[in-house]
Amino acid sequence: MSKQHYDHIRNNEKFHDLVAQQSKLSWTLAVLILIVYYSFILIIAFSPDLFGIPISNDSTVTWGIIIGLGVIFFTFIITGIYVHKANTSFDHLLQDVIDASNEHVNSQDAKTNSHGES
């Protein structure tokens, strides 16, 4: 890409919208992950007996195992949400920005060539 492309993209309102949407989603998901992870660690630190309770009277599986697997599953879900959003709306917005940049640069080149030929 040329400097004209980069300059046009930096000044494109859709590019700023894309960056804002990506940032907002990224920070939201990061905060959710941190809340889940730190809650898990805080429970282990301050109430470890809670995770040692069996899920039923006859079971050897404890709530700690279930909740630990839940944390891992939650991580997969959060990742899936981001990937889905990136592959749908973020990619479409990015393609709009690139197309607009190409149109702008091509029209500038056409103006330059038409003025140069006269």
Protein backbone atom coordinates (compact mmCIF):
# COMPACT_ATOMS: atom_id res chain seq x y z
CA MET A 1 0.00 0.00 0.00
CA SER A 2 1.12 3.49 -0.72
CA LYS A 3 1.37 6.45 1.62
CA GLN A 4 -1.85 7.75 0.03
CA HIS A 5 -3.66 4.59 1.14
CA TYR A 6 -2.40 4.89 4.70
CA ASP A 7 -3.26 8.57 4.91
CA HIS A 8 -6.76 7.98 3.57
CA ILE A 9 -7.34 5.05 5.94
CA ARG A 10 -6.16 7.05 8.97
CA ASN A 11 -8.64 9.79 8.08
CA ASN A 12 -11.53 7.44 7.30
CA GLU A 13 -14.40 7.64 9.79
CA LYS A 14 -15.24 3.94 9.30
CA PHE A 15 -11.66 3.06 10.29
CA HIS A 16 -12.06 5.01 13.53
CA ASP A 17 -15.40 3.26 14.14
CA LEU A 18 -13.74 -0.12 13.54
CA VAL A 19 -10.91 0.63 15.96
CA ALA A 20 -13.38 1.88 18.59
CA GLN A 21 -15.60 -1.21 18.24
CA GLN A 22 -12.64 -3.60 18.42
CA SER A 23 -11.24 -1.81 21.42
CA LYS A 24 -14.56 -1.76 23.26
CA LEU A 25 -15.17 -5.47 22.65
CA SER A 26 -11.59 -6.41 23.54
CA TRP A 27 -11.66 -4.50 26.82
CA THR A 28 -15.10 -5.84 27.73
CA LEU A 29 -14.06 -9.44 27.15
CA ALA A 30 -10.73 -8.90 28.92
CA VAL A 31 -12.51 -7.52 31.98
CA LEU A 32 -14.89 -10.50 31.99
CA ILE A 33 -11.98 -12.95 31.81
CA LEU A 34 -10.15 -11.14 34.61
CA ILE A 35 -13.25 -11.16 36.82
CA VAL A 36 -13.73 -14.91 36.31
CA TYR A 37 -10.05 -15.79 36.79
CA TYR A 38 -9.53 -13.58 39.82
CA SER A 39 -12.78 -14.76 41.40
CA PHE A 40 -11.61 -18.34 40.99
CA ILE A 41 -8.22 -17.57 42.56
CA LEU A 42 -9.76 -15.53 45.40
CA ILE A 43 -12.12 -18.37 46.28
CA ILE A 44 -9.16 -20.78 46.32
CA ALA A 45 -7.22 -18.35 48.52
CA PHE A 46 -9.92 -17.44 51.04
CA SER A 47 -12.35 -20.35 50.98
CA PRO A 48 -10.56 -23.43 49.64
CA ASP A 49 -12.98 -25.79 51.39
CA LEU A 50 -15.75 -24.59 49.07
CA PHE A 51 -14.07 -26.22 46.08
CA GLY A 52 -13.53 -29.44 48.02
CA ILE A 53 -17.23 -30.13 48.47
CA PRO A 54 -18.43 -33.13 46.41
CA ILE A 55 -21.20 -32.38 43.90
CA SER A 56 -23.29 -35.16 45.49
CA ASN A 57 -23.03 -37.47 48.47
CA ASP A 58 -21.87 -40.44 46.39
CA SER A 59 -19.53 -38.51 44.09
CA THR A 60 -15.77 -38.12 44.16
CA VAL A 61 -16.03 -35.15 41.78
CA THR A 62 -15.86 -31.84 43.63
CA TRP A 63 -17.21 -28.41 42.85
CA GLY A 64 -13.62 -27.24 42.30
CA ILE A 65 -13.28 -29.53 39.30
CA ILE A 66 -16.62 -28.44 37.87
CA ILE A 67 -15.91 -24.75 38.38
CA GLY A 68 -12.36 -25.13 37.02
CA LEU A 69 -13.73 -26.76 33.86
CA GLY A 70 -16.31 -23.97 33.73
CA VAL A 71 -13.55 -21.37 33.76
CA ILE A 72 -11.82 -23.13 30.86
CA PHE A 73 -15.13 -23.44 28.98
CA PHE A 74 -15.85 -19.75 29.64
CA THR A 75 -12.50 -18.89 28.07
CA PHE A 76 -13.41 -20.85 24.93
CA ILE A 77 -16.79 -19.07 24.77
CA ILE A 78 -15.19 -15.62 25.12
CA THR A 79 -12.66 -16.48 22.41
CA GLY A 80 -15.46 -17.71 20.15
CA ILE A 81 -17.40 -14.49 20.66
CA TYR A 82 -14.42 -12.40 19.63
CA VAL A 83 -13.60 -14.59 16.62
CA HIS A 84 -17.23 -14.52 15.45
CA LYS A 85 -17.40 -10.74 15.75
CA ALA A 86 -14.02 -10.32 14.03
CA ASN A 87 -14.99 -12.62 11.16
CA THR A 88 -18.35 -10.97 10.59
CA SER A 89 -18.74 -7.28 11.30
CA PHE A 90 -15.06 -6.33 11.82
CA ASP A 91 -13.99 -7.92 8.54
CA HIS A 92 -16.83 -6.21 6.68
CA LEU A 93 -15.92 -2.82 8.14
CA LEU A 94 -12.28 -3.37 7.31
CA GLN A 95 -13.12 -4.30 3.73
CA ASP A 96 -15.25 -1.12 3.42
CA VAL A 97 -12.29 0.95 4.62
CA ILE A 98 -9.91 -0.75 2.17
CA ASP A 99 -12.35 -0.37 -0.73
CA ALA A 100 -12.88 3.31 0.05
CA SER A 101 -9.13 3.82 0.21
CA ASN A 102 -8.60 2.08 -3.13
CA GLU A 103 -11.36 4.15 -4.75
CA HIS A 104 -9.88 7.35 -3.35
CA VAL A 105 -6.33 6.57 -4.48
CA ASN A 106 -7.49 5.38 -7.90
CA SER A 107 -9.54 8.56 -8.41
CA GLN A 108 -6.52 10.65 -7.35
CA ASP A 109 -4.34 8.73 -9.82
CA ALA A 110 -6.93 9.22 -12.58
CA LYS A 111 -7.03 12.98 -11.88
CA THR A 112 -3.24 13.14 -11.94
CA ASN A 113 -3.06 11.19 -15.21
CA SER A 114 -5.78 13.28 -16.88
CA HIS A 115 -4.03 16.52 -15.87
CA GLY A 116 -0.68 15.17 -17.00
CA GLU A 117 -1.97 14.17 -20.43
CA SER A 118 -3.44 17.60 -21.25
